[in-house]
Amino acid sequence: MKLLLTNDDGIQATGLNVMRRALQELPGVELAVIAPDSNRSATARSITTRKPLWVEEVEFGDGAKGHATDGTPVDCVRFAALGLVEFVPELIVSGINHGSNLGDDITYSGTVAAALEGIVLGIPAIAVSQQAEPGVVDFRAGRAWGAEDFEEAAAFVARMVEELESVPMPRGTLLNVNCPAGPVRGARACRLGKRIYRDQLELAEERDGRRRYQIYGDTPGYEQEDGTDFAAIADGHIAVTPLHFDLTDQAGVDDLAGFDLDGLMRPAAREV
């Protein structure tokens, strides 16, 4: 299997390298690594369009090599698809992210964005993230990480890759995998939950007629609902959530179909 590994924490991130070593041990896997040269967390599906991109070959210290770029996670997937490496990937693994990507977080996540780009290109993909600390379901991990933090997530995803032909992954669907901190009690298929953000606008500095604000800071929460990725993590289970790119609200389409949209092209009737 031809496989691309990428992330949004940067090519030297511990999570990526633990995942890299686990994938390299799988028989029959041909692995390419293309990742940002530094942290690109929360860049979502941004791409680089107004400047050329630098790429540098990087040695990992165990004989393996990868490519680092000053682009975004989505750019990394595009590089692979457009010929930077010797093959077009048959599977994309994005992660292991330092911090969870649950519920509404996925719309900001560079980790999930890279996997979504695979879906856009018709390539199956897995996004994988690691909860920072027990009880802290946060995507903004700021602590130091050791290799042991990622071992269970890496082993789980490696087995998923090994059994990929039998894992239910409909065409156009990626799997968003989140691993809990602490002992893992099992794995569970679940839906996205609802994040509760507690951001506040705080003035941090004011000088020379300019103001500097902090707007992201407070630890977010989530709605307590059974069957969600948040609930799975809280119960010590690996959360596996299928995601697809179709954002169409079909019920909304049906409602609009019964409305005279053509009428909006006519001048509005004016009362005299």
C-alpha atoms as a PDB file:
ATOM      1  CA  MET A   1       0.000   0.000   0.000  1.00  0.00           C
ATOM      2  CA  LYS A   2       1.273   3.457  -0.944  1.00  0.00           C
ATOM      3  CA  LEU A   3       0.705   5.748   2.009  1.00  0.00           C
ATOM      4  CA  LEU A   4       1.187   9.457   2.744  1.00  0.00           C
ATOM      5  CA  LEU A   5       1.729  10.626   6.328  1.00  0.00           C
ATOM      6  CA  THR A   6       1.250  14.303   7.159  1.00  0.00           C
ATOM      7  CA  ASN A   7       0.145  16.490  10.085  1.00  0.00           C
ATOM      8  CA  ASP A   8      -0.322  20.091  11.223  1.00  0.00           C
ATOM      9  CA  ASP A   9       2.063  20.135  14.216  1.00  0.00           C
ATOM     10  CA  GLY A  10       5.169  20.062  12.033  1.00  0.00           C
ATOM     11  CA  ILE A  11       7.504  17.425  10.681  1.00  0.00           C
ATOM     12  CA  GLN A  12       9.483  17.135  13.930  1.00  0.00           C
ATOM     13  CA  ALA A  13       6.366  16.630  16.083  1.00  0.00           C
ATOM     14  CA  THR A  14       6.487  13.616  18.376  1.00  0.00           C
ATOM     15  CA  GLY A  15       3.046  12.393  17.318  1.00  0.00           C
ATOM     16  CA  LEU A  16       3.933  12.255  13.631  1.00  0.00           C
ATOM     17  CA  ASN A  17       7.134  10.362  14.288  1.00  0.00           C
ATOM     18  CA  VAL A  18       5.515   7.772  16.566  1.00  0.00           C
ATOM     19  CA  MET A  19       2.901   7.215  13.842  1.00  0.00           C
ATOM     20  CA  ARG A  20       5.624   7.070  11.194  1.00  0.00           C
ATOM     21  CA  ARG A  21       7.507   4.305  12.988  1.00  0.00           C
ATOM     22  CA  ALA A  22       4.319   2.280  13.523  1.00  0.00           C
ATOM     23  CA  LEU A  23       3.397   2.501   9.837  1.00  0.00           C
ATOM     24  CA  GLN A  24       6.911   1.620   8.687  1.00  0.00           C
ATOM     25  CA  GLU A  25       6.651  -1.679  10.532  1.00  0.00           C
ATOM     26  CA  LEU A  26       3.627  -2.794   8.499  1.00  0.00           C
ATOM     27  CA  PRO A  27       4.416  -5.287   5.735  1.00  0.00           C
ATOM     28  CA  GLY A  28       3.827  -4.070   2.209  1.00  0.00           C
ATOM     29  CA  VAL A  29       3.603  -0.375   3.117  1.00  0.00           C
ATOM     30  CA  GLU A  30       5.460   2.187   1.005  1.00  0.00           C
ATOM     31  CA  LEU A  31       5.504   5.354   3.102  1.00  0.00           C
ATOM     32  CA  ALA A  32       6.077   8.994   2.147  1.00  0.00           C
ATOM     33  CA  VAL A  33       6.117  11.822   4.694  1.00  0.00           C
ATOM     34  CA  ILE A  34       5.285  15.388   3.698  1.00  0.00           C
ATOM     35  CA  ALA A  35       4.553  17.778   6.550  1.00  0.00           C
ATOM     36  CA  PRO A  36       4.790  21.478   7.435  1.00  0.00           C
ATOM     37  CA  ASP A  37       8.208  22.677   8.542  1.00  0.00           C
ATOM     38  CA  SER A  38       6.685  24.123  11.739  1.00  0.00           C
ATOM     39  CA  ASN A  39       3.382  24.183  13.586  1.00  0.00           C
ATOM     40  CA  ARG A  40       0.320  24.926  11.422  1.00  0.00           C
ATOM     41  CA  SER A  41      -2.377  24.071  13.964  1.00  0.00           C
ATOM     42  CA  ALA A  42      -5.873  25.506  13.380  1.00  0.00           C
ATOM     43  CA  THR A  43      -5.105  26.433   9.763  1.00  0.00           C
ATOM     44  CA  ALA A  44      -8.164  24.424   8.661  1.00  0.00           C
ATOM     45  CA  ARG A  45      -8.388  24.027   4.862  1.00  0.00           C
ATOM     46  CA  SER A  46      -6.215  26.994   3.976  1.00  0.00           C
ATOM     47  CA  ILE A  47      -3.935  26.697   0.954  1.00  0.00           C
ATOM     48  CA  THR A  48      -0.994  28.740  -0.266  1.00  0.00           C
ATOM     49  CA  THR A  49      -1.833  30.553  -3.498  1.00  0.00           C
ATOM     50  CA  ARG A  50       0.150  33.797  -3.567  1.00  0.00           C
ATOM     51  CA  LYS A  51       3.726  32.566  -3.279  1.00  0.00           C
ATOM     52  CA  PRO A  52       5.851  29.584  -4.285  1.00  0.00           C
ATOM     53  CA  LEU A  53       6.459  26.957  -1.615  1.00  0.00           C
ATOM     54  CA  TRP A  54       9.798  25.842  -0.239  1.00  0.00           C
ATOM     55  CA  VAL A  55      10.424  22.119   0.209  1.00  0.00           C
ATOM     56  CA  GLU A  56      13.352  20.578   2.066  1.00  0.00           C
ATOM     57  CA  GLU A  57      14.318  16.938   2.488  1.00  0.00           C
ATOM     58  CA  VAL A  58      14.579  16.035   6.162  1.00  0.00           C
ATOM     59  CA  GLU A  59      16.332  13.079   7.815  1.00  0.00           C
ATOM     60  CA  PHE A  60      14.603  11.574  10.828  1.00  0.00           C
ATOM     61  CA  GLY A  61      17.682  10.037  12.430  1.00  0.00           C
ATOM     62  CA  ASP A  62      16.749   6.392  11.843  1.00  0.00           C
ATOM     63  CA  GLY A  63      17.604   6.249   8.153  1.00  0.00           C
ATOM     64  CA  ALA A  64      14.189   7.436   6.961  1.00  0.00           C
ATOM     65  CA  LYS A  65      13.599  10.717   5.163  1.00  0.00           C
ATOM     66  CA  GLY A  66      10.662  13.024   4.571  1.00  0.00           C
ATOM     67  CA  HIS A  67       9.834  16.385   3.045  1.00  0.00           C
ATOM     68  CA  ALA A  68       9.172  19.575   5.007  1.00  0.00           C
ATOM     69  CA  THR A  69       7.414  22.551   3.432  1.00  0.00           C
ATOM     70  CA  ASP A  70       6.478  26.065   4.477  1.00  0.00           C
ATOM     71  CA  GLY A  71       2.961  25.341   3.235  1.00  0.00           C
ATOM     72  CA  THR A  72      -0.174  24.154   4.991  1.00  0.00           C
ATOM     73  CA  PRO A  73      -1.357  20.598   5.704  1.00  0.00           C
ATOM     74  CA  VAL A  74      -3.602  20.744   2.632  1.00  0.00           C
ATOM     75  CA  ASP A  75      -0.611  21.874   0.557  1.00  0.00           C
ATOM     76  CA  CYS A  76       1.252  18.776   1.781  1.00  0.00           C
ATOM     77  CA  VAL A  77      -1.439  16.485   0.373  1.00  0.00           C
ATOM     78  CA  ARG A  78      -1.462  18.431  -2.892  1.00  0.00           C
ATOM     79  CA  PHE A  79       2.314  18.005  -3.157  1.00  0.00           C
ATOM     80  CA  ALA A  80       1.926  14.230  -2.981  1.00  0.00           C
ATOM     81  CA  ALA A  81      -0.920  14.142  -5.492  1.00  0.00           C
ATOM     82  CA  LEU A  82       0.955  16.362  -7.951  1.00  0.00           C
ATOM     83  CA  GLY A  83       4.168  14.344  -8.054  1.00  0.00           C
ATOM     84  CA  LEU A  84       6.588  15.478  -5.336  1.00  0.00           C
ATOM     85  CA  VAL A  85       7.047  11.845  -4.304  1.00  0.00           C
ATOM     86  CA  GLU A  86       7.346   8.789  -6.522  1.00  0.00           C
ATOM     87  CA  PHE A  87       3.755   7.622  -6.137  1.00  0.00           C
ATOM     88  CA  VAL A  88       0.202   8.870  -5.785  1.00  0.00           C
ATOM     89  CA  PRO A  89      -0.979   7.841  -2.295  1.00  0.00           C
ATOM     90  CA  GLU A  90      -3.599   5.147  -1.887  1.00  0.00           C
ATOM     91  CA  LEU A  91      -4.238   6.224   1.700  1.00  0.00           C
ATOM     92  CA  ILE A  92      -3.563   9.364   3.731  1.00  0.00           C
ATOM     93  CA  VAL A  93      -2.901   9.325   7.470  1.00  0.00           C
ATOM     94  CA  SER A  94      -2.876  12.754   9.135  1.00  0.00           C
ATOM     95  CA  GLY A  95      -1.493  12.988  12.688  1.00  0.00           C
ATOM     96  CA  ILE A  96      -1.023  12.036  15.381  1.00  0.00           C
ATOM     97  CA  ASN A  97      -2.203  15.476  16.464  1.00  0.00           C
ATOM     98  CA  HIS A  98      -1.093  16.902  19.801  1.00  0.00           C
ATOM     99  CA  GLY A  99      -4.544  17.436  21.309  1.00  0.00           C
ATOM    100  CA  SER A 100      -8.001  16.151  20.448  1.00  0.00           C
ATOM    101  CA  ASN A 101     -10.083  17.122  17.407  1.00  0.00           C
ATOM    102  CA  LEU A 102     -13.666  16.524  18.478  1.00  0.00           C
ATOM    103  CA  GLY A 103     -17.056  17.961  17.577  1.00  0.00           C
ATOM    104  CA  ASP A 104     -16.874  21.441  16.071  1.00  0.00           C
ATOM    105  CA  ASP A 105     -13.073  21.451  16.405  1.00  0.00           C
ATOM    106  CA  ILE A 106     -12.806  19.611  13.101  1.00  0.00           C
ATOM    107  CA  THR A 107     -13.778  22.768  11.196  1.00  0.00           C
ATOM    108  CA  TYR A 108     -10.620  24.503  12.468  1.00  0.00           C
ATOM    109  CA  SER A 109      -8.275  21.521  12.468  1.00  0.00           C
ATOM    110  CA  GLY A 110      -5.380  21.313  10.026  1.00  0.00           C
ATOM    111  CA  THR A 111      -5.119  17.614  10.888  1.00  0.00           C
ATOM    112  CA  VAL A 112      -8.660  16.898   9.703  1.00  0.00           C
ATOM    113  CA  ALA A 113      -8.256  19.317   6.772  1.00  0.00           C
ATOM    114  CA  ALA A 114      -5.406  17.241   5.336  1.00  0.00           C
ATOM    115  CA  ALA A 115      -7.565  14.117   5.520  1.00  0.00           C
ATOM    116  CA  LEU A 116     -10.463  15.982   3.900  1.00  0.00           C
ATOM    117  CA  GLU A 117      -8.178  16.914   1.019  1.00  0.00           C
ATOM    118  CA  GLY A 118      -7.670  13.229   0.449  1.00  0.00           C
ATOM    119  CA  ILE A 119     -11.431  12.826   0.139  1.00  0.00           C
ATOM    120  CA  VAL A 120     -11.563  15.700  -2.355  1.00  0.00           C
ATOM    121  CA  LEU A 121      -8.930  13.857  -4.421  1.00  0.00           C
ATOM    122  CA  GLY A 122     -10.661  10.498  -4.106  1.00  0.00           C
ATOM    123  CA  ILE A 123      -8.091   9.069  -1.681  1.00  0.00           C
ATOM    124  CA  PRO A 124      -9.226   7.338   1.549  1.00  0.00           C
ATOM    125  CA  ALA A 125      -7.972   9.087   4.671  1.00  0.00           C
ATOM    126  CA  ILE A 126      -7.637   8.765   8.427  1.00  0.00           C
ATOM    127  CA  ALA A 127      -7.184  11.740  10.774  1.00  0.00           C
ATOM    128  CA  VAL A 128      -5.845  10.797  14.212  1.00  0.00           C
ATOM    129  CA  SER A 129      -5.514  12.912  17.355  1.00  0.00           C
ATOM    130  CA  GLN A 130      -4.487  12.333  20.961  1.00  0.00           C
ATOM    131  CA  GLN A 131      -6.232  13.842  23.985  1.00  0.00           C
ATOM    132  CA  ALA A 132      -3.797  15.943  26.001  1.00  0.00           C
ATOM    133  CA  GLU A 133      -4.692  14.974  29.562  1.00  0.00           C
ATOM    134  CA  PRO A 134      -7.452  12.954  31.269  1.00  0.00           C
ATOM    135  CA  GLY A 135     -10.540  15.114  31.654  1.00  0.00           C
ATOM    136  CA  VAL A 136      -9.174  17.891  29.447  1.00  0.00           C
ATOM    137  CA  VAL A 137     -10.957  17.577  26.120  1.00  0.00           C
ATOM    138  CA  ASP A 138      -9.031  20.408  24.504  1.00  0.00           C
ATOM    139  CA  PHE A 139      -7.568  20.916  21.033  1.00  0.00           C
ATOM    140  CA  ARG A 140      -4.995  23.490  22.170  1.00  0.00           C
ATOM    141  CA  ALA A 141      -2.414  21.210  23.744  1.00  0.00           C
ATOM    142  CA  GLY A 142       0.490  23.219  25.092  1.00  0.00           C
ATOM    143  CA  ARG A 143       2.422  20.749  27.218  1.00  0.00           C
ATOM    144  CA  ALA A 144       5.492  18.700  26.374  1.00  0.00           C
ATOM    145  CA  TRP A 145       4.768  15.326  24.803  1.00  0.00           C
ATOM    146  CA  GLY A 146       6.655  12.053  25.028  1.00  0.00           C
ATOM    147  CA  ALA A 147       6.552   9.116  22.625  1.00  0.00           C
ATOM    148  CA  GLU A 148       4.631   7.054  25.170  1.00  0.00           C
ATOM    149  CA  ASP A 149       1.694   9.472  24.909  1.00  0.00           C
ATOM    150  CA  PHE A 150       1.023   8.318  21.352  1.00  0.00           C
ATOM    151  CA  GLU A 151       1.800   4.597  21.401  1.00  0.00           C
ATOM    152  CA  GLU A 152      -1.781   3.315  21.780  1.00  0.00           C
ATOM    153  CA  ALA A 153      -3.174   5.665  19.133  1.00  0.00           C
ATOM    154  CA  ALA A 154      -0.385   4.710  16.721  1.00  0.00           C
ATOM    155  CA  ALA A 155      -0.910   0.981  17.320  1.00  0.00           C
ATOM    156  CA  PHE A 156      -4.674   1.317  16.788  1.00  0.00           C
ATOM    157  CA  VAL A 157      -4.321   3.232  13.517  1.00  0.00           C
ATOM    158  CA  ALA A 158      -1.607   0.871  12.273  1.00  0.00           C
ATOM    159  CA  ARG A 159      -3.977  -2.048  12.811  1.00  0.00           C
ATOM    160  CA  MET A 160      -6.717  -0.098  11.053  1.00  0.00           C
ATOM    161  CA  VAL A 161      -4.418   0.409   8.068  1.00  0.00           C
ATOM    162  CA  GLU A 162      -3.483  -3.274   8.132  1.00  0.00           C
ATOM    163  CA  GLU A 163      -7.161  -4.278   8.067  1.00  0.00           C
ATOM    164  CA  LEU A 164      -8.259  -1.466   5.759  1.00  0.00           C
ATOM    165  CA  GLU A 165      -9.935  -3.727   3.212  1.00  0.00           C
ATOM    166  CA  SER A 166     -12.356  -4.965   5.863  1.00  0.00           C
ATOM    167  CA  VAL A 167     -12.875  -1.648   7.693  1.00  0.00           C
ATOM    168  CA  PRO A 168     -16.165  -0.009   6.587  1.00  0.00           C
ATOM    169  CA  MET A 169     -14.997   3.165   4.829  1.00  0.00           C
ATOM    170  CA  PRO A 170     -17.518   4.196   2.167  1.00  0.00           C
ATOM    171  CA  ARG A 171     -16.097   6.091  -0.779  1.00  0.00           C
ATOM    172  CA  GLY A 172     -15.841   9.793   0.021  1.00  0.00           C
ATOM    173  CA  THR A 173     -15.645   9.194   3.769  1.00  0.00           C
ATOM    174  CA  LEU A 174     -12.694   9.690   6.118  1.00  0.00           C
ATOM    175  CA  LEU A 175     -12.323   8.335   9.644  1.00  0.00           C
ATOM    176  CA  ASN A 176     -11.634  10.842  12.417  1.00  0.00           C
ATOM    177  CA  VAL A 177      -9.894   8.958  15.241  1.00  0.00           C
ATOM    178  CA  ASN A 178      -9.397  10.431  18.711  1.00  0.00           C
ATOM    179  CA  CYS A 179      -7.570   8.546  21.442  1.00  0.00           C
ATOM    180  CA  PRO A 180      -8.207   9.276  25.137  1.00  0.00           C
ATOM    181  CA  ALA A 181      -5.446  10.040  27.597  1.00  0.00           C
ATOM    182  CA  GLY A 182      -4.897   7.414  30.237  1.00  0.00           C
ATOM    183  CA  PRO A 183      -5.992   3.763  30.034  1.00  0.00           C
ATOM    184  CA  VAL A 184      -7.926   2.907  26.868  1.00  0.00           C
ATOM    185  CA  ARG A 185     -10.994   0.752  27.568  1.00  0.00           C
ATOM    186  CA  GLY A 186     -11.996   0.103  23.957  1.00  0.00           C
ATOM    187  CA  ALA A 187     -13.002   1.776  20.703  1.00  0.00           C
ATOM    188  CA  ARG A 188     -16.390   3.110  19.667  1.00  0.00           C
ATOM    189  CA  ALA A 189     -18.053   4.372  16.484  1.00  0.00           C
ATOM    190  CA  CYS A 190     -19.762   7.674  17.221  1.00  0.00           C
ATOM    191  CA  ARG A 191     -21.051  10.943  15.813  1.00  0.00           C
ATOM    192  CA  LEU A 192     -19.610  14.412  16.242  1.00  0.00           C
ATOM    193  CA  GLY A 193     -20.606  16.160  19.452  1.00  0.00           C
ATOM    194  CA  LYS A 194     -21.233  19.840  20.128  1.00  0.00           C
ATOM    195  CA  ARG A 195     -18.373  21.961  21.400  1.00  0.00           C
ATOM    196  CA  ILE A 196     -18.995  24.823  23.845  1.00  0.00           C
ATOM    197  CA  TYR A 197     -16.474  27.603  23.306  1.00  0.00           C
ATOM    198  CA  ARG A 198     -15.868  30.109  26.087  1.00  0.00           C
ATOM    199  CA  ASP A 199     -13.795  32.689  24.243  1.00  0.00           C
ATOM    200  CA  GLN A 200     -13.784  36.261  25.482  1.00  0.00           C
ATOM    201  CA  LEU A 201     -12.537  39.523  24.030  1.00  0.00           C
ATOM    202  CA  GLU A 202      -9.741  40.806  26.282  1.00  0.00           C
ATOM    203  CA  LEU A 203      -7.610  43.878  25.654  1.00  0.00           C
ATOM    204  CA  ALA A 204      -3.992  42.799  26.072  1.00  0.00           C
ATOM    205  CA  GLU A 205      -2.161  45.969  25.028  1.00  0.00           C
ATOM    206  CA  GLU A 206      -2.835  49.467  23.719  1.00  0.00           C
ATOM    207  CA  ARG A 207      -0.254  51.850  22.259  1.00  0.00           C
ATOM    208  CA  ASP A 208       0.286  54.221  19.338  1.00  0.00           C
ATOM    209  CA  GLY A 209      -3.415  54.185  18.538  1.00  0.00           C
ATOM    210  CA  ARG A 210      -3.513  50.406  18.151  1.00  0.00           C
ATOM    211  CA  ARG A 211      -5.111  47.780  20.336  1.00  0.00           C
ATOM    212  CA  ARG A 212      -4.000  44.197  20.761  1.00  0.00           C
ATOM    213  CA  TYR A 213      -6.687  41.680  21.794  1.00  0.00           C
ATOM    214  CA  GLN A 214      -6.755  38.144  23.108  1.00  0.00           C
ATOM    215  CA  ILE A 215      -9.906  36.307  21.996  1.00  0.00           C
ATOM    216  CA  TYR A 216      -9.045  32.612  22.394  1.00  0.00           C
ATOM    217  CA  GLY A 217      -8.084  31.429  25.830  1.00  0.00           C
ATOM    218  CA  ASP A 218     -10.590  29.778  28.125  1.00  0.00           C
ATOM    219  CA  THR A 219     -10.761  25.990  28.129  1.00  0.00           C
ATOM    220  CA  PRO A 220     -13.736  24.889  26.003  1.00  0.00           C
ATOM    221  CA  GLY A 221     -16.396  22.436  27.134  1.00  0.00           C
ATOM    222  CA  TYR A 222     -18.937  20.270  25.355  1.00  0.00           C
ATOM    223  CA  GLU A 223     -22.570  19.227  25.495  1.00  0.00           C
ATOM    224  CA  GLN A 224     -23.169  16.011  27.432  1.00  0.00           C
ATOM    225  CA  GLU A 225     -24.825  13.683  24.914  1.00  0.00           C
ATOM    226  CA  ASP A 226     -24.697   9.917  24.504  1.00  0.00           C
ATOM    227  CA  GLY A 227     -23.295   8.565  21.265  1.00  0.00           C
ATOM    228  CA  THR A 228     -20.892  11.447  20.588  1.00  0.00           C
ATOM    229  CA  ASP A 229     -17.129  11.520  20.232  1.00  0.00           C
ATOM    230  CA  PHE A 230     -16.963  13.552  23.464  1.00  0.00           C
ATOM    231  CA  ALA A 231     -18.878  10.846  25.333  1.00  0.00           C
ATOM    232  CA  ALA A 232     -16.602   8.129  23.972  1.00  0.00           C
ATOM    233  CA  ILE A 233     -13.460   9.956  25.094  1.00  0.00           C
ATOM    234  CA  ALA A 234     -14.972  10.676  28.516  1.00  0.00           C
ATOM    235  CA  ASP A 235     -15.619   6.912  28.887  1.00  0.00           C
ATOM    236  CA  GLY A 236     -12.012   6.091  28.003  1.00  0.00           C
ATOM    237  CA  HIS A 237     -12.791   4.818  24.507  1.00  0.00           C
ATOM    238  CA  ILE A 238     -11.100   5.629  21.221  1.00  0.00           C
ATOM    239  CA  ALA A 239     -13.649   7.652  19.246  1.00  0.00           C
ATOM    240  CA  VAL A 240     -13.967   6.787  15.544  1.00  0.00           C
ATOM    241  CA  THR A 241     -16.210   9.142  13.571  1.00  0.00           C
ATOM    242  CA  PRO A 242     -16.900   8.832   9.817  1.00  0.00           C
ATOM    243  CA  LEU A 243     -16.903  12.224   8.105  1.00  0.00           C
ATOM    244  CA  HIS A 244     -17.738  13.240   4.557  1.00  0.00           C
ATOM    245  CA  PHE A 245     -17.448  16.425   2.561  1.00  0.00           C
ATOM    246  CA  ASP A 246     -21.063  16.818   1.462  1.00  0.00           C
ATOM    247  CA  LEU A 247     -22.266  19.862   3.406  1.00  0.00           C
ATOM    248  CA  THR A 248     -25.529  20.158   1.502  1.00  0.00           C
ATOM    249  CA  ASP A 249     -28.662  20.492   3.623  1.00  0.00           C
ATOM    250  CA  GLN A 250     -30.984  18.302   1.543  1.00  0.00           C
ATOM    251  CA  ALA A 251     -34.061  19.313   3.538  1.00  0.00           C
ATOM    252  CA  GLY A 252     -33.149  22.934   2.808  1.00  0.00           C
ATOM    253  CA  VAL A 253     -32.870  22.157  -0.901  1.00  0.00           C
ATOM    254  CA  ASP A 254     -36.321  20.590  -0.816  1.00  0.00           C
ATOM    255  CA  ASP A 255     -37.752  23.647   0.963  1.00  0.00           C
ATOM    256  CA  LEU A 256     -36.152  26.060  -1.505  1.00  0.00           C
ATOM    257  CA  ALA A 257     -37.430  24.023  -4.445  1.00  0.00           C
ATOM    258  CA  GLY A 258     -40.953  25.004  -3.450  1.00  0.00           C
ATOM    259  CA  PHE A 259     -40.077  28.692  -3.302  1.00  0.00           C
ATOM    260  CA  ASP A 260     -40.262  30.984  -6.312  1.00  0.00           C
ATOM    261  CA  LEU A 261     -36.568  31.838  -6.589  1.00  0.00           C
ATOM    262  CA  ASP A 262     -37.125  33.131 -10.138  1.00  0.00           C
ATOM    263  CA  GLY A 263     -39.402  35.737  -8.602  1.00  0.00           C
ATOM    264  CA  LEU A 264     -36.397  37.309  -6.888  1.00  0.00           C
ATOM    265  CA  MET A 265     -35.091  38.274 -10.323  1.00  0.00           C
ATOM    266  CA  ARG A 266     -38.071  40.533 -10.904  1.00  0.00           C
ATOM    267  CA  PRO A 267     -38.181  44.065  -9.492  1.00  0.00           C
ATOM    268  CA  ALA A 268     -39.822  44.269  -6.094  1.00  0.00           C
ATOM    269  CA  ALA A 269     -43.380  45.558  -6.099  1.00  0.00           C
ATOM    270  CA  ARG A 270     -43.431  49.047  -4.651  1.00  0.00           C
ATOM    271  CA  GLU A 271     -46.421  50.366  -2.781  1.00  0.00           C
ATOM    272  CA  VAL A 272     -47.561  53.783  -3.975  1.00  0.00           C
END
